[in-house]
Amino acid sequence: MNRIQRSSEHTAMPWANGGGITFEVASSPAGADFTSFNWRISMAEVRESGPFSTFSGVDRVLTVLGPGDLTLLINDNEVLSRRHEPRHFSGDDDVRAELVDGPITDLNVMTRRGRCTGVVTVQTIDGVVNLEPQSQSNTVVVVLAGTLDLVDGEGLSVRDVLFLHDNTTIMGNATIARIDITDLGDTRG
């Protein structure tokens, strides 16, 4: 059965390096800390330029939610991360964020290398779309902009999350991030 998690239900906690606040959406196993998760989805407020936390053995996908863009210095290579464009990098990399137009919020998907893989796809919805969960994966949909309605009448707003377990029809005008996390072993959360 599908489950909705409202943005107000995400768990606030300090960044691993203490430099800001992140809102945990989900992790596996449930309740895992920064050193013991197999995968983790969170949204972070970036209010000032500075270093990212290091997560050895973890692959990361960062998607800027806005309102502006973010420049990442990944191992001293400058990469512009535009709003709603997923950016892949290793948690082992030396990463520094430079704000372009002021504070932003980002969506982070982290997967423990060798245990899980994560794919983030951003999609614009205009009308009616059928969503199907990916077999052998945890499929999570995050509303990035706009609003959506589920066929059963439930509505989703910005930063609300749908944990997709069954085929579901959605309708509306929105931008979503679809996250598919595939477990490479017996780590399903």
Protein backbone atom coordinates (compact mmCIF):
# COMPACT_ATOMS: atom_id res chain seq x y z
CA MET A 1 0.00 0.00 0.00
CA ASN A 2 1.26 3.50 -0.88
CA ARG A 3 2.07 5.89 1.95
CA ILE A 4 2.15 9.70 2.02
CA GLN A 5 4.54 11.63 4.24
CA ARG A 6 3.87 15.35 4.59
CA SER A 7 6.75 17.82 4.59
CA SER A 8 5.95 18.64 8.23
CA GLU A 9 6.65 14.98 9.13
CA HIS A 10 10.29 14.97 7.93
CA THR A 11 12.71 14.67 10.87
CA ALA A 12 14.96 17.72 11.44
CA MET A 13 18.55 17.03 12.49
CA PRO A 14 21.96 18.72 12.25
CA TRP A 15 24.25 17.97 9.32
CA ALA A 16 26.96 15.40 9.98
CA ASN A 17 29.53 18.26 9.99
CA GLY A 18 27.27 20.51 12.12
CA GLY A 19 27.11 23.19 9.40
CA GLY A 20 23.35 23.27 8.93
CA ILE A 21 20.00 21.50 9.24
CA THR A 22 18.74 18.56 7.21
CA PHE A 23 15.26 17.04 7.15
CA GLU A 24 15.37 13.27 6.91
CA VAL A 25 12.65 11.84 4.68
CA ALA A 26 13.56 8.16 5.06
CA SER A 27 16.48 5.85 5.70
CA SER A 28 17.15 2.15 5.68
CA PRO A 29 17.34 0.54 8.05
CA ALA A 30 14.83 2.77 9.83
CA GLY A 31 16.48 4.88 12.50
CA ALA A 32 20.00 4.36 11.13
CA ASP A 33 22.55 7.06 11.90
CA PHE A 34 25.03 8.64 9.45
CA THR A 35 27.44 5.71 9.74
CA SER A 36 25.01 2.78 9.53
CA PHE A 37 22.46 3.57 6.80
CA ASN A 38 22.18 1.53 3.62
CA TRP A 39 20.33 4.41 1.95
CA ARG A 40 19.06 7.79 3.04
CA ILE A 41 16.82 10.50 1.54
CA SER A 42 16.87 14.00 3.02
CA MET A 43 16.35 17.68 2.22
CA ALA A 44 18.88 20.21 3.47
CA GLU A 45 18.78 23.95 3.90
CA VAL A 46 21.99 25.53 2.61
CA ARG A 47 22.12 29.04 4.06
CA GLU A 48 25.78 29.82 3.50
CA SER A 49 28.69 28.60 1.40
CA GLY A 50 30.85 25.92 2.96
CA PRO A 51 32.06 22.31 2.92
CA PHE A 52 29.85 19.27 2.52
CA SER A 53 30.04 16.42 5.00
CA THR A 54 32.23 13.52 3.91
CA PHE A 55 30.52 10.13 3.60
CA SER A 56 33.14 7.50 2.76
CA GLY A 57 31.80 4.56 0.75
CA VAL A 58 28.60 6.42 -0.18
CA ASP A 59 27.32 7.56 -3.58
CA ARG A 60 25.32 10.78 -3.60
CA VAL A 61 22.76 12.42 -5.88
CA LEU A 62 22.03 16.07 -5.08
CA THR A 63 19.12 17.95 -6.66
CA VAL A 64 18.79 21.67 -6.00
CA LEU A 65 15.17 22.52 -5.17
CA GLY A 66 15.76 26.25 -5.32
CA PRO A 67 14.97 28.98 -5.32
CA GLY A 68 18.36 29.50 -7.08
CA ASP A 69 21.28 27.43 -8.26
CA LEU A 70 24.35 26.14 -6.45
CA THR A 71 27.98 25.90 -7.52
CA LEU A 72 29.74 22.79 -6.29
CA LEU A 73 33.52 22.57 -6.07
CA ILE A 74 34.11 18.81 -6.37
CA ASN A 75 37.79 18.01 -5.81
CA ASP A 76 38.53 21.62 -6.90
CA ASN A 77 36.51 21.24 -10.14
CA GLU A 78 33.69 23.76 -10.41
CA VAL A 79 30.29 22.32 -11.35
CA LEU A 80 27.10 24.38 -11.57
CA SER A 81 24.10 22.55 -10.13
CA ARG A 82 20.99 24.05 -11.64
CA ARG A 83 17.56 23.84 -10.08
CA HIS A 84 15.90 20.43 -10.56
CA GLU A 85 18.97 18.88 -12.28
CA PRO A 86 20.28 15.82 -10.35
CA ARG A 87 24.06 15.88 -9.81
CA HIS A 88 25.96 12.65 -8.99
CA PHE A 89 29.18 12.54 -6.97
CA SER A 90 30.98 10.38 -4.44
CA GLY A 91 30.64 10.95 -0.72
CA ASP A 92 34.42 10.42 -0.63
CA ASP A 93 34.97 13.57 -2.74
CA ASP A 94 36.07 16.87 -1.27
CA VAL A 95 32.95 18.99 -1.93
CA ARG A 96 32.33 22.64 -1.17
CA ALA A 97 29.07 24.49 -1.93
CA GLU A 98 29.06 28.09 -3.15
CA LEU A 99 25.67 29.81 -3.13
CA VAL A 100 24.87 31.59 -6.41
CA ASP A 101 21.70 33.59 -5.63
CA GLY A 102 21.26 33.16 -1.88
CA PRO A 103 20.10 30.26 0.32
CA ILE A 104 18.71 27.11 -1.30
CA THR A 105 17.18 23.79 -0.31
CA ASP A 106 18.43 20.57 -1.84
CA LEU A 107 17.31 16.96 -2.07
CA ASN A 108 19.97 14.40 -1.12
CA VAL A 109 19.89 10.72 -1.99
CA MET A 110 22.72 8.71 -0.48
CA THR A 111 23.35 5.02 -1.07
CA ARG A 112 26.01 2.82 0.54
CA ARG A 113 28.28 1.64 -2.28
CA GLY A 114 28.06 -2.12 -2.82
CA ARG A 115 24.75 -2.37 -0.93
CA CYS A 116 22.39 -0.14 -2.95
CA THR A 117 22.19 2.06 -6.01
CA GLY A 118 20.06 5.17 -6.39
CA VAL A 119 18.63 6.88 -9.45
CA VAL A 120 16.89 10.26 -9.34
CA THR A 121 14.73 11.32 -12.30
CA VAL A 122 13.06 14.73 -12.42
CA GLN A 123 9.79 14.85 -14.37
CA THR A 124 7.24 17.56 -15.16
CA ILE A 125 3.64 16.42 -14.75
CA ASP A 126 0.95 18.22 -16.73
CA GLY A 127 -2.28 16.26 -16.63
CA VAL A 128 -2.71 12.59 -15.75
CA VAL A 129 0.22 10.15 -15.33
CA ASN A 130 0.38 6.56 -14.13
CA LEU A 131 3.28 5.77 -11.79
CA GLU A 132 4.52 2.22 -11.35
CA PRO A 133 7.00 1.16 -8.67
CA GLN A 134 10.15 -0.46 -9.95
CA SER A 135 10.45 -4.14 -9.10
CA GLN A 136 13.01 -4.92 -6.36
CA SER A 137 13.35 -1.22 -5.54
CA ASN A 138 12.17 1.33 -3.04
CA THR A 139 10.38 3.96 -5.15
CA VAL A 140 9.84 7.39 -3.62
CA VAL A 141 8.25 10.44 -5.27
CA VAL A 142 9.00 13.94 -3.94
CA VAL A 143 6.98 16.97 -5.11
CA LEU A 144 9.50 19.68 -6.05
CA ALA A 145 7.06 22.32 -7.36
CA GLY A 146 3.30 22.60 -7.89
CA THR A 147 0.62 20.27 -6.56
CA LEU A 148 -0.62 16.77 -7.36
CA ASP A 149 -3.78 14.82 -6.66
CA LEU A 150 -3.94 11.06 -6.31
CA VAL A 151 -6.86 9.22 -7.85
CA ASP A 152 -8.23 8.55 -4.34
CA GLY A 153 -8.49 12.30 -3.71
CA GLU A 154 -5.38 12.78 -1.54
CA GLY A 155 -3.40 15.88 -2.46
CA LEU A 156 0.36 16.42 -2.41
CA SER A 157 2.12 19.78 -2.06
CA VAL A 158 5.74 20.91 -2.35
CA ARG A 159 8.12 18.63 -0.42
CA ASP A 160 5.41 16.07 0.35
CA VAL A 161 6.53 12.50 -0.37
CA LEU A 162 4.77 9.45 -1.81
CA PHE A 163 6.26 6.05 -0.97
CA LEU A 164 5.14 4.14 -4.06
CA HIS A 165 4.30 0.45 -3.55
CA ASP A 166 1.34 0.08 -5.95
CA ASN A 167 0.52 1.40 -9.41
CA THR A 168 -0.92 4.87 -8.85
CA THR A 169 -2.53 7.49 -11.07
CA ILE A 170 -1.60 11.09 -10.30
CA MET A 171 -2.87 14.30 -11.85
CA GLY A 172 -1.96 17.94 -11.67
CA ASN A 173 0.68 20.41 -12.69
CA ALA A 174 3.93 19.75 -10.85
CA THR A 175 7.59 18.86 -11.00
CA ILE A 176 8.52 15.66 -9.20
CA ALA A 177 11.68 13.77 -8.35
CA ARG A 178 11.28 10.02 -8.69
CA ILE A 179 13.83 8.14 -6.61
CA ASP A 180 14.43 4.45 -7.28
CA ILE A 181 16.75 2.76 -4.79
CA THR A 182 17.74 -0.78 -5.75
CA ASP A 183 19.11 -3.04 -3.06
CA LEU A 184 22.04 -5.15 -4.16
CA GLY A 185 21.53 -7.61 -1.28
CA ASP A 186 19.08 -8.26 1.52
CA THR A 187 18.89 -4.60 2.69
CA ARG A 188 15.38 -3.57 1.61
CA GLY A 189 14.01 -0.85 3.92
